[in-house]
Every structure is written in structure tokens, then in C-alpha cells.
């Protein structure tokens, strides 16, 4: 199933870097939106209910949008149909 993955991050966020490395290792393409470099990205993250980073937005081709706060491998795996390996 086609999907778009957008991660709202900041350079100083350890979990953000971990999530990006993990997604790369899973061969999942994603768009990295650094909230410190672009105020529009910061505002988007706030609108998604963010109080911290990372915030992951998964847009499915059905139009469904899933928002995951923090680096939650289990939830990301579930919504991207990846096998979860805790």
C-alpha cells in the first residue's frame, strides 16, 4: 500500500535521529521536516498536537492520516505494515 511518511524533528532530538536511522534501515522513504529551521513546519507539528518531537504523520492512499507522537516502533510498524521486532 502506498503511503507518505513525514517526520517532524529537530537536530538536537535523539529519538528523532533514532527514528530516521530506523526508517532508513527498513527502507521506508520519509520527509524530514525540521521544526527549528522552518516555522511553517513548527506550526504544522503544533496543529498535530505535538508537545515534543518526533511527530510522525503517515498518510495512507485511502486518505487516512495517522499521527504518532514520539518514536513508537510498534505503532509505526503497525501502520506501515512492517513486522514488529521489539
PDB file of N, CA and C in Angstrom:
ATOM      1  N   UNK A   1       0.845  -1.193   0.000  1.00  0.00           N
ATOM      2  CA  UNK A   1       0.000   0.000   0.000  1.00  0.00           C
ATOM      3  C   UNK A   1       0.881   1.243   0.000  1.00  0.00           C
ATOM      4  N   UNK A   2       0.535   2.181  -0.831  1.00  0.00           N
ATOM      5  CA  UNK A   2       1.313   3.415  -0.905  1.00  0.00           C
ATOM      6  C   UNK A   2       0.988   4.303   0.293  1.00  0.00           C
ATOM      7  N   UNK A   3       1.989   4.991   0.742  1.00  0.00           N
ATOM      8  CA  UNK A   3       1.814   5.887   1.871  1.00  0.00           C
ATOM      9  C   UNK A   3       2.897   6.960   1.807  1.00  0.00           C
ATOM     10  N   UNK A   4       2.650   8.046   2.517  1.00  0.00           N
ATOM     11  CA  UNK A   4       3.630   9.115   2.660  1.00  0.00           C
ATOM     12  C   UNK A   4       3.960   9.217   4.140  1.00  0.00           C
ATOM     13  N   UNK A   5       5.242   9.307   4.450  1.00  0.00           N
ATOM     14  CA  UNK A   5       5.674   9.423   5.842  1.00  0.00           C
ATOM     15  C   UNK A   5       6.386  10.756   6.001  1.00  0.00           C
ATOM     16  N   UNK A   6       5.909  11.556   6.938  1.00  0.00           N
ATOM     17  CA  UNK A   6       6.521  12.851   7.254  1.00  0.00           C
ATOM     18  C   UNK A   6       6.890  12.823   8.733  1.00  0.00           C
ATOM     19  N   UNK A   7       8.131  13.196   9.033  1.00  0.00           N
ATOM     20  CA  UNK A   7       8.571  13.235  10.428  1.00  0.00           C
ATOM     21  C   UNK A   7       8.941  14.670  10.777  1.00  0.00           C
ATOM     22  N   UNK A   8       8.331  15.177  11.834  1.00  0.00           N
ATOM     23  CA  UNK A   8       8.669  16.499  12.354  1.00  0.00           C
ATOM     24  C   UNK A   8       9.755  16.287  13.402  1.00  0.00           C
ATOM     25  N   UNK A   9      10.913  16.889  13.175  1.00  0.00           N
ATOM     26  CA  UNK A   9      12.082  16.636  14.013  1.00  0.00           C
ATOM     27  C   UNK A   9      12.782  17.936  14.389  1.00  0.00           C
ATOM     28  N   UNK A  10      13.848  17.770  15.164  1.00  0.00           N
ATOM     29  CA  UNK A  10      14.805  18.853  15.399  1.00  0.00           C
ATOM     30  C   UNK A  10      16.171  18.200  15.592  1.00  0.00           C
ATOM     31  N   UNK A  11      17.202  18.907  15.224  1.00  0.00           N
ATOM     32  CA  UNK A  11      18.556  18.363  15.207  1.00  0.00           C
ATOM     33  C   UNK A  11      19.000  17.820  16.552  1.00  0.00           C
ATOM     34  N   UNK A  12      18.608  18.476  17.636  1.00  0.00           N
ATOM     35  CA  UNK A  12      19.070  18.086  18.972  1.00  0.00           C
ATOM     36  C   UNK A  12      18.251  16.966  19.601  1.00  0.00           C
ATOM     37  N   UNK A  13      17.319  16.385  18.857  1.00  0.00           N
ATOM     38  CA  UNK A  13      16.413  15.357  19.377  1.00  0.00           C
ATOM     39  C   UNK A  13      16.971  13.963  19.082  1.00  0.00           C
ATOM     40  N   UNK A  14      17.445  13.278  20.132  1.00  0.00           N
ATOM     41  CA  UNK A  14      17.989  11.935  19.974  1.00  0.00           C
ATOM     42  C   UNK A  14      16.999  10.942  19.381  1.00  0.00           C
ATOM     43  N   UNK A  15      15.768  10.862  19.935  1.00  0.00           N
ATOM     44  CA  UNK A  15      14.791   9.933  19.371  1.00  0.00           C
ATOM     45  C   UNK A  15      14.470  10.226  17.893  1.00  0.00           C
ATOM     46  N   UNK A  16      14.549  11.495  17.499  1.00  0.00           N
ATOM     47  CA  UNK A  16      14.311  11.850  16.091  1.00  0.00           C
ATOM     48  C   UNK A  16      15.365  11.189  15.207  1.00  0.00           C
ATOM     49  N   UNK A  17      16.627  11.294  15.627  1.00  0.00           N
ATOM     50  CA  UNK A  17      17.723  10.713  14.846  1.00  0.00           C
ATOM     51  C   UNK A  17      17.586   9.191  14.813  1.00  0.00           C
ATOM     52  N   UNK A  18      17.198   8.592  15.944  1.00  0.00           N
ATOM     53  CA  UNK A  18      16.999   7.137  16.003  1.00  0.00           C
ATOM     54  C   UNK A  18      15.903   6.691  15.044  1.00  0.00           C
ATOM     55  N   UNK A  19      14.791   7.433  15.032  1.00  0.00           N
ATOM     56  CA  UNK A  19      13.683   7.062  14.155  1.00  0.00           C
ATOM     57  C   UNK A  19      14.093   7.157  12.694  1.00  0.00           C
ATOM     58  N   UNK A  20      14.796   8.222  12.330  1.00  0.00           N
ATOM     59  CA  UNK A  20      15.225   8.375  10.937  1.00  0.00           C
ATOM     60  C   UNK A  20      16.172   7.242  10.525  1.00  0.00           C
ATOM     61  N   UNK A  21      17.090   6.864  11.403  1.00  0.00           N
ATOM     62  CA  UNK A  21      18.001   5.758  11.096  1.00  0.00           C
ATOM     63  C   UNK A  21      17.226   4.450  10.966  1.00  0.00           C
ATOM     64  N   UNK A  22      16.251   4.241  11.847  1.00  0.00           N
ATOM     65  CA  UNK A  22      15.458   3.019  11.819  1.00  0.00           C
ATOM     66  C   UNK A  22      14.637   2.937  10.533  1.00  0.00           C
ATOM     67  N   UNK A  23      13.960   4.039  10.171  1.00  0.00           N
ATOM     68  CA  UNK A  23      13.162   4.035   8.939  1.00  0.00           C
ATOM     69  C   UNK A  23      14.051   3.770   7.720  1.00  0.00           C
ATOM     70  N   UNK A  24      15.230   4.374   7.717  1.00  0.00           N
ATOM     71  CA  UNK A  24      16.172   4.153   6.618  1.00  0.00           C
ATOM     72  C   UNK A  24      16.556   2.676   6.557  1.00  0.00           C
ATOM     73  N   UNK A  25      16.817   2.069   7.713  1.00  0.00           N
ATOM     74  CA  UNK A  25      17.191   0.651   7.743  1.00  0.00           C
ATOM     75  C   UNK A  25      16.036  -0.247   7.288  1.00  0.00           C
ATOM     76  N   UNK A  26      14.798   0.230   7.431  1.00  0.00           N
ATOM     77  CA  UNK A  26      13.613  -0.516   6.981  1.00  0.00           C
ATOM     78  C   UNK A  26      13.267  -0.193   5.521  1.00  0.00           C
ATOM     79  N   UNK A  27      14.074   0.654   4.899  1.00  0.00           N
ATOM     80  CA  UNK A  27      13.885   1.089   3.512  1.00  0.00           C
ATOM     81  C   UNK A  27      12.542   1.803   3.314  1.00  0.00           C
ATOM     82  N   UNK A  28      12.190   2.618   4.319  1.00  0.00           N
ATOM     83  CA  UNK A  28      10.973   3.426   4.257  1.00  0.00           C
ATOM     84  C   UNK A  28      11.378   4.857   3.909  1.00  0.00           C
ATOM     85  N   UNK A  29      10.857   5.355   2.802  1.00  0.00           N
ATOM     86  CA  UNK A  29      11.124   6.740   2.410  1.00  0.00           C
ATOM     87  C   UNK A  29      10.324   7.673   3.318  1.00  0.00           C
ATOM     88  N   UNK A  30      10.918   8.798   3.678  1.00  0.00           N
ATOM     89  CA  UNK A  30      10.221   9.758   4.539  1.00  0.00           C
ATOM     90  C   UNK A  30      10.708  11.162   4.238  1.00  0.00           C
ATOM     91  N   UNK A  31       9.881  12.122   4.617  1.00  0.00           N
ATOM     92  CA  UNK A  31      10.256  13.535   4.507  1.00  0.00           C
ATOM     93  C   UNK A  31      10.567  14.031   5.909  1.00  0.00           C
ATOM     94  N   UNK A  32      11.742  14.598   6.070  1.00  0.00           N
ATOM     95  CA  UNK A  32      12.186  15.127   7.364  1.00  0.00           C
ATOM     96  C   UNK A  32      11.881  16.614   7.398  1.00  0.00           C
ATOM     97  N   UNK A  33      11.036  17.034   8.331  1.00  0.00           N
ATOM     98  CA  UNK A  33      10.686  18.447   8.474  1.00  0.00           C
ATOM     99  C   UNK A  33      11.225  18.955   9.811  1.00  0.00           C
ATOM    100  N   UNK A  34      12.325  19.685   9.741  1.00  0.00           N
ATOM    101  CA  UNK A  34      12.981  20.217  10.939  1.00  0.00           C
ATOM    102  C   UNK A  34      12.220  21.456  11.410  1.00  0.00           C
ATOM    103  N   UNK A  35      11.604  21.347  12.584  1.00  0.00           N
ATOM    104  CA  UNK A  35      10.754  22.434  13.096  1.00  0.00           C
ATOM    105  C   UNK A  35      11.547  23.657  13.533  1.00  0.00           C
ATOM    106  N   UNK A  36      12.861  23.505  13.710  1.00  0.00           N
ATOM    107  CA  UNK A  36      13.695  24.639  14.108  1.00  0.00           C
ATOM    108  C   UNK A  36      14.188  25.439  12.907  1.00  0.00           C
ATOM    109  N   UNK A  37      14.131  24.842  11.743  1.00  0.00           N
ATOM    110  CA  UNK A  37      14.615  25.519  10.537  1.00  0.00           C
ATOM    111  C   UNK A  37      13.490  26.126   9.715  1.00  0.00           C
ATOM    112  N   UNK A  38      12.251  25.760  10.027  1.00  0.00           N
ATOM    113  CA  UNK A  38      11.126  26.243   9.235  1.00  0.00           C
ATOM    114  C   UNK A  38       9.921  26.432  10.159  1.00  0.00           C
ATOM    115  N   UNK A  39       9.503  27.671  10.343  1.00  0.00           N
ATOM    116  CA  UNK A  39       8.402  27.956  11.260  1.00  0.00           C
ATOM    117  C   UNK A  39       7.089  27.318  10.805  1.00  0.00           C
ATOM    118  N   UNK A  40       6.895  27.177   9.498  1.00  0.00           N
ATOM    119  CA  UNK A  40       5.670  26.539   9.000  1.00  0.00           C
ATOM    120  C   UNK A  40       5.612  25.090   9.478  1.00  0.00           C
ATOM    121  N   UNK A  41       6.751  24.396   9.483  1.00  0.00           N
ATOM    122  CA  UNK A  41       6.796  23.018   9.977  1.00  0.00           C
ATOM    123  C   UNK A  41       6.490  22.980  11.474  1.00  0.00           C
ATOM    124  N   UNK A  42       7.007  23.972  12.209  1.00  0.00           N
ATOM    125  CA  UNK A  42       6.728  24.064  13.639  1.00  0.00           C
ATOM    126  C   UNK A  42       5.221  24.201  13.866  1.00  0.00           C
ATOM    127  N   UNK A  43       4.594  25.073  13.087  1.00  0.00           N
ATOM    128  CA  UNK A  43       3.145  25.293  13.222  1.00  0.00           C
ATOM    129  C   UNK A  43       2.360  24.042  12.842  1.00  0.00           C
ATOM    130  N   UNK A  44       2.815  23.317  11.815  1.00  0.00           N
ATOM    131  CA  UNK A  44       2.154  22.075  11.422  1.00  0.00           C
ATOM    132  C   UNK A  44       2.230  21.047  12.560  1.00  0.00           C
ATOM    133  N   UNK A  45       3.392  20.938  13.174  1.00  0.00           N
ATOM    134  CA  UNK A  45       3.577  19.982  14.272  1.00  0.00           C
ATOM    135  C   UNK A  45       2.660  20.329  15.437  1.00  0.00           C
ATOM    136  N   UNK A  46       2.560  21.610  15.765  1.00  0.00           N
ATOM    137  CA  UNK A  46       1.670  22.062  16.836  1.00  0.00           C
ATOM    138  C   UNK A  46       0.219  21.697  16.495  1.00  0.00           C
ATOM    139  N   UNK A  47      -0.169  21.900  15.242  1.00  0.00           N
ATOM    140  CA  UNK A  47      -1.534  21.585  14.812  1.00  0.00           C
ATOM    141  C   UNK A  47      -1.831  20.092  14.927  1.00  0.00           C
ATOM    142  N   UNK A  48      -0.792  19.266  14.864  1.00  0.00           N
ATOM    143  CA  UNK A  48      -0.961  17.822  15.016  1.00  0.00           C
ATOM    144  C   UNK A  48      -0.977  17.398  16.489  1.00  0.00           C
ATOM    145  N   UNK A  49      -0.869  18.384  17.386  1.00  0.00           N
ATOM    146  CA  UNK A  49      -0.925  18.095  18.815  1.00  0.00           C
ATOM    147  C   UNK A  49       0.425  17.831  19.451  1.00  0.00           C
ATOM    148  N   UNK A  50       1.488  18.220  18.766  1.00  0.00           N
ATOM    149  CA  UNK A  50       2.832  17.933  19.266  1.00  0.00           C
ATOM    150  C   UNK A  50       3.181  18.779  20.473  1.00  0.00           C
ATOM    151  N   UNK A  51       3.797  18.117  21.451  1.00  0.00           N
ATOM    152  CA  UNK A  51       4.393  18.835  22.573  1.00  0.00           C
ATOM    153  C   UNK A  51       5.886  18.506  22.631  1.00  0.00           C
ATOM    154  N   UNK A  52       6.309  17.579  21.769  1.00  0.00           N
ATOM    155  CA  UNK A  52       7.711  17.184  21.677  1.00  0.00           C
ATOM    156  C   UNK A  52       7.933  16.529  20.312  1.00  0.00           C
ATOM    157  N   UNK A  53       9.156  16.301  19.973  1.00  0.00           N
ATOM    158  CA  UNK A  53       9.479  15.613  18.732  1.00  0.00           C
ATOM    159  C   UNK A  53      10.074  14.250  19.062  1.00  0.00           C
ATOM    160  N   UNK A  54      10.036  13.303  18.161  1.00  0.00           N
ATOM    161  CA  UNK A  54       9.476  13.391  16.815  1.00  0.00           C
ATOM    162  C   UNK A  54       7.954  13.228  16.804  1.00  0.00           C
ATOM    163  N   UNK A  55       7.356  13.758  15.766  1.00  0.00           N
ATOM    164  CA  UNK A  55       5.954  13.507  15.466  1.00  0.00           C
ATOM    165  C   UNK A  55       5.948  12.926  14.056  1.00  0.00           C
ATOM    166  N   UNK A  56       5.336  11.773  13.915  1.00  0.00           N
ATOM    167  CA  UNK A  56       5.296  11.102  12.621  1.00  0.00           C
ATOM    168  C   UNK A  56       3.884  11.155  12.075  1.00  0.00           C
ATOM    169  N   UNK A  57       3.771  11.618  10.841  1.00  0.00           N
ATOM    170  CA  UNK A  57       2.482  11.672  10.149  1.00  0.00           C
ATOM    171  C   UNK A  57       2.549  10.669   9.009  1.00  0.00           C
ATOM    172  N   UNK A  58       1.641   9.704   9.036  1.00  0.00           N
ATOM    173  CA  UNK A  58       1.557   8.699   7.974  1.00  0.00           C
ATOM    174  C   UNK A  58       0.260   8.958   7.222  1.00  0.00           C
ATOM    175  N   UNK A  59       0.405   9.263   5.934  1.00  0.00           N
ATOM    176  CA  UNK A  59      -0.763   9.489   5.071  1.00  0.00           C
ATOM    177  C   UNK A  59      -0.906   8.271   4.172  1.00  0.00           C
ATOM    178  N   UNK A  60      -2.025   7.564   4.329  1.00  0.00           N
ATOM    179  CA  UNK A  60      -2.273   6.375   3.508  1.00  0.00           C
ATOM    180  C   UNK A  60      -3.011   6.773   2.240  1.00  0.00           C
ATOM    181  N   UNK A  61      -2.912   5.935   1.215  1.00  0.00           N
ATOM    182  CA  UNK A  61      -3.561   6.272  -0.056  1.00  0.00           C
ATOM    183  C   UNK A  61      -5.079   6.291   0.057  1.00  0.00           C
ATOM    184  N   UNK A  62      -5.620   5.723   1.133  1.00  0.00           N
ATOM    185  CA  UNK A  62      -7.064   5.763   1.379  1.00  0.00           C
ATOM    186  C   UNK A  62      -7.501   7.142   1.875  1.00  0.00           C
ATOM    187  N   UNK A  63      -6.514   7.994   2.193  1.00  0.00           N
ATOM    188  CA  UNK A  63      -6.824   9.312   2.731  1.00  0.00           C
ATOM    189  C   UNK A  63      -6.699   9.351   4.244  1.00  0.00           C
ATOM    190  N   UNK A  64      -6.582   8.180   4.863  1.00  0.00           N
ATOM    191  CA  UNK A  64      -6.431   8.115   6.317  1.00  0.00           C
ATOM    192  C   UNK A  64      -5.090   8.722   6.721  1.00  0.00           C
ATOM    193  N   UNK A  65      -5.102   9.479   7.813  1.00  0.00           N
ATOM    194  CA  UNK A  65      -3.877  10.064   8.359  1.00  0.00           C
ATOM    195  C   UNK A  65      -3.697   9.593   9.795  1.00  0.00           C
ATOM    196  N   UNK A  66      -2.511   9.098  10.078  1.00  0.00           N
ATOM    197  CA  UNK A  66      -2.179   8.619  11.417  1.00  0.00           C
ATOM    198  C   UNK A  66      -1.078   9.504  11.969  1.00  0.00           C
ATOM    199  N   UNK A  67      -1.254   9.965  13.196  1.00  0.00           N
ATOM    200  CA  UNK A  67      -0.243  10.781  13.863  1.00  0.00           C
ATOM    201  C   UNK A  67       0.308   9.975  15.035  1.00  0.00           C
ATOM    202  N   UNK A  68       1.631   9.847  15.087  1.00  0.00           N
ATOM    203  CA  UNK A  68       2.285   9.113  16.166  1.00  0.00           C
ATOM    204  C   UNK A  68       3.250  10.058  16.868  1.00  0.00           C
ATOM    205  N   UNK A  69       3.043  10.223  18.172  1.00  0.00           N
ATOM    206  CA  UNK A  69       3.892  11.106  18.973  1.00  0.00           C
ATOM    207  C   UNK A  69       5.012  10.289  19.602  1.00  0.00           C
ATOM    208  N   UNK A  70       6.245  10.771  19.463  1.00  0.00           N
ATOM    209  CA  UNK A  70       7.401  10.047  19.982  1.00  0.00           C
ATOM    210  C   UNK A  70       7.806   8.954  19.007  1.00  0.00           C
ATOM    211  N   UNK A  71       8.943   8.347  19.271  1.00  0.00           N
ATOM    212  CA  UNK A  71       9.430   7.258  18.422  1.00  0.00           C
ATOM    213  C   UNK A  71       8.849   5.957  18.948  1.00  0.00           C
ATOM    214  N   UNK A  72       7.719   5.556  18.380  1.00  0.00           N
ATOM    215  CA  UNK A  72       6.991   4.360  18.807  1.00  0.00           C
ATOM    216  C   UNK A  72       7.095   3.326  17.684  1.00  0.00           C
ATOM    217  N   UNK A  73       8.134   2.480  17.763  1.00  0.00           N
ATOM    218  CA  UNK A  73       8.379   1.487  16.708  1.00  0.00           C
ATOM    219  C   UNK A  73       7.176   0.590  16.475  1.00  0.00           C
ATOM    220  N   UNK A  74       6.511   0.199  17.560  1.00  0.00           N
ATOM    221  CA  UNK A  74       5.375  -0.717  17.431  1.00  0.00           C
ATOM    222  C   UNK A  74       4.257  -0.088  16.606  1.00  0.00           C
ATOM    223  N   UNK A  75       3.903   1.155  16.913  1.00  0.00           N
ATOM    224  CA  UNK A  75       2.821   1.831  16.183  1.00  0.00           C
ATOM    225  C   UNK A  75       3.222   2.137  14.737  1.00  0.00           C
ATOM    226  N   UNK A  76       4.452   2.570  14.552  1.00  0.00           N
ATOM    227  CA  UNK A  76       4.916   2.866  13.190  1.00  0.00           C
ATOM    228  C   UNK A  76       4.908   1.587  12.368  1.00  0.00           C
ATOM    229  N   UNK A  77       5.418   0.497  12.934  1.00  0.00           N
ATOM    230  CA  UNK A  77       5.436  -0.789  12.232  1.00  0.00           C
ATOM    231  C   UNK A  77       4.022  -1.218  11.852  1.00  0.00           C
ATOM    232  N   UNK A  78       3.105  -1.082  12.800  1.00  0.00           N
ATOM    233  CA  UNK A  78       1.717  -1.476  12.571  1.00  0.00           C
ATOM    234  C   UNK A  78       1.112  -0.710  11.395  1.00  0.00           C
ATOM    235  N   UNK A  79       1.282   0.598  11.393  1.00  0.00           N
ATOM    236  CA  UNK A  79       0.641   1.423  10.373  1.00  0.00           C
ATOM    237  C   UNK A  79       1.353   1.383   9.017  1.00  0.00           C
ATOM    238  N   UNK A  80       2.595   0.917   9.014  1.00  0.00           N
ATOM    239  CA  UNK A  80       3.309   0.764   7.742  1.00  0.00           C
ATOM    240  C   UNK A  80       3.360  -0.711   7.308  1.00  0.00           C
ATOM    241  N   UNK A  81       2.622  -1.555   8.024  1.00  0.00           N
ATOM    242  CA  UNK A  81       2.567  -2.998   7.738  1.00  0.00           C
ATOM    243  C   UNK A  81       3.947  -3.637   7.722  1.00  0.00           C
ATOM    244  N   UNK A  82       4.767  -3.271   8.708  1.00  0.00           N
ATOM    245  CA  UNK A  82       6.088  -3.865   8.867  1.00  0.00           C
ATOM    246  C   UNK A  82       6.023  -4.894   9.993  1.00  0.00           C
ATOM    247  N   UNK A  83       6.853  -5.929   9.922  1.00  0.00           N
ATOM    248  CA  UNK A  83       6.897  -6.847  11.060  1.00  0.00           C
ATOM    249  C   UNK A  83       7.534  -6.142  12.256  1.00  0.00           C
ATOM    250  N   UNK A  84       6.871  -6.209  13.407  1.00  0.00           N
ATOM    251  CA  UNK A  84       7.405  -5.545  14.596  1.00  0.00           C
ATOM    252  C   UNK A  84       8.376  -6.458  15.302  1.00  0.00           C
ATOM    253  N   UNK A  85       9.571  -5.932  15.559  1.00  0.00           N
ATOM    254  CA  UNK A  85      10.580  -6.669  16.289  1.00  0.00           C
ATOM    255  C   UNK A  85      11.034  -5.825  17.457  1.00  0.00           C
ATOM    256  N   UNK A  86      10.339  -5.967  18.583  1.00  0.00           N
ATOM    257  CA  UNK A  86      10.575  -5.181  19.765  1.00  0.00           C
ATOM    258  C   UNK A  86      11.983  -5.123  20.149  1.00  0.00           C
TER     259      UNK A  86
END
